[in-house]
Amino acid sequence: MSAAEIAAEVLKGVDAGRPVILTDRNGRIAYATKRFARPLYYRAMARASKQMAAKGA
């Protein structure tokens, strides 16, 4: 998605009064996982954090 497309999605969400605005598929998947399978989400985030730390990011 381009920056303009993301901005348009955000503006639509704000106009609709949505409290959470997700602009891409990965964000929607992460949000749903966090809501409905929180332990799985925490494990995935811990693994990603370790990988980033190992890379020095």
C-alpha atoms as a PDB file:
ATOM      1  CA  MET A   1       0.000   0.000   0.000  1.00  0.00           C
ATOM      2  CA  SER A   2       1.172   3.480  -0.739  1.00  0.00           C
ATOM      3  CA  ALA A   3       1.231   6.245   1.849  1.00  0.00           C
ATOM      4  CA  ALA A   4      -1.761   7.875   0.136  1.00  0.00           C
ATOM      5  CA  GLU A   5      -3.786   4.652   0.327  1.00  0.00           C
ATOM      6  CA  ILE A   6      -2.965   4.226   4.006  1.00  0.00           C
ATOM      7  CA  ALA A   7      -3.899   7.848   4.707  1.00  0.00           C
ATOM      8  CA  ALA A   8      -7.231   7.354   2.937  1.00  0.00           C
ATOM      9  CA  GLU A   9      -7.940   4.232   5.043  1.00  0.00           C
ATOM     10  CA  VAL A  10      -7.075   6.097   8.231  1.00  0.00           C
ATOM     11  CA  LEU A  11      -9.324   9.030   7.324  1.00  0.00           C
ATOM     12  CA  LYS A  12     -12.210   6.667   6.536  1.00  0.00           C
ATOM     13  CA  GLY A  13     -11.719   5.000   9.911  1.00  0.00           C
ATOM     14  CA  VAL A  14     -11.602   8.299  11.761  1.00  0.00           C
ATOM     15  CA  ASP A  15     -14.728   9.537   9.955  1.00  0.00           C
ATOM     16  CA  ALA A  16     -16.516   6.289  10.867  1.00  0.00           C
ATOM     17  CA  GLY A  17     -15.457   6.687  14.514  1.00  0.00           C
ATOM     18  CA  ARG A  18     -13.591   3.381  14.643  1.00  0.00           C
ATOM     19  CA  PRO A  19     -11.404   3.073  17.759  1.00  0.00           C
ATOM     20  CA  VAL A  20      -8.912   0.780  15.985  1.00  0.00           C
ATOM     21  CA  ILE A  21      -7.859   1.308  12.381  1.00  0.00           C
ATOM     22  CA  LEU A  22      -5.970  -1.520  10.717  1.00  0.00           C
ATOM     23  CA  THR A  23      -4.635  -0.777   7.258  1.00  0.00           C
ATOM     24  CA  ASP A  24      -3.053  -4.055   6.190  1.00  0.00           C
ATOM     25  CA  ARG A  25      -3.590  -7.801   6.359  1.00  0.00           C
ATOM     26  CA  ASN A  26      -0.718  -8.435   8.781  1.00  0.00           C
ATOM     27  CA  GLY A  27      -2.105  -5.868  11.191  1.00  0.00           C
ATOM     28  CA  ARG A  28      -5.566  -7.447  11.070  1.00  0.00           C
ATOM     29  CA  ILE A  29      -4.071 -10.901  11.703  1.00  0.00           C
ATOM     30  CA  ALA A  30      -1.990  -9.642  14.646  1.00  0.00           C
ATOM     31  CA  TYR A  31      -4.965  -7.810  16.145  1.00  0.00           C
ATOM     32  CA  ALA A  32      -7.261 -10.846  15.847  1.00  0.00           C
ATOM     33  CA  THR A  33      -4.595 -13.115  17.312  1.00  0.00           C
ATOM     34  CA  LYS A  34      -4.056 -10.745  20.221  1.00  0.00           C
ATOM     35  CA  ARG A  35      -7.802 -10.599  20.892  1.00  0.00           C
ATOM     36  CA  PHE A  36      -8.697 -14.268  20.496  1.00  0.00           C
ATOM     37  CA  ALA A  37      -5.467 -16.190  21.133  1.00  0.00           C
ATOM     38  CA  ARG A  38      -3.445 -14.016  23.469  1.00  0.00           C
ATOM     39  CA  PRO A  39      -0.923 -16.713  24.574  1.00  0.00           C
ATOM     40  CA  LEU A  40      -0.093 -17.424  20.924  1.00  0.00           C
ATOM     41  CA  TYR A  41       0.350 -13.704  20.296  1.00  0.00           C
ATOM     42  CA  TYR A  42       2.695 -13.323  23.279  1.00  0.00           C
ATOM     43  CA  ARG A  43       4.819 -16.289  22.158  1.00  0.00           C
ATOM     44  CA  ALA A  44       5.078 -14.883  18.633  1.00  0.00           C
ATOM     45  CA  MET A  45       6.059 -11.432  19.920  1.00  0.00           C
ATOM     46  CA  ALA A  46       8.651 -12.899  22.307  1.00  0.00           C
ATOM     47  CA  ARG A  47      10.176 -14.913  19.441  1.00  0.00           C
ATOM     48  CA  ALA A  48      10.238 -11.854  17.178  1.00  0.00           C
ATOM     49  CA  SER A  49      11.836  -9.798  19.962  1.00  0.00           C
ATOM     50  CA  LYS A  50      14.600 -12.376  20.446  1.00  0.00           C
ATOM     51  CA  GLN A  51      15.258 -12.473  16.708  1.00  0.00           C
ATOM     52  CA  MET A  52      15.496  -8.687  16.526  1.00  0.00           C
ATOM     53  CA  ALA A  53      17.818  -8.577  19.537  1.00  0.00           C
ATOM     54  CA  ALA A  54      20.061 -11.204  17.962  1.00  0.00           C
ATOM     55  CA  LYS A  55      20.292  -9.088  14.800  1.00  0.00           C
ATOM     56  CA  GLY A  56      21.119  -6.003  16.843  1.00  0.00           C
ATOM     57  CA  ALA A  57      18.052  -4.107  15.666  1.00  0.00           C
END
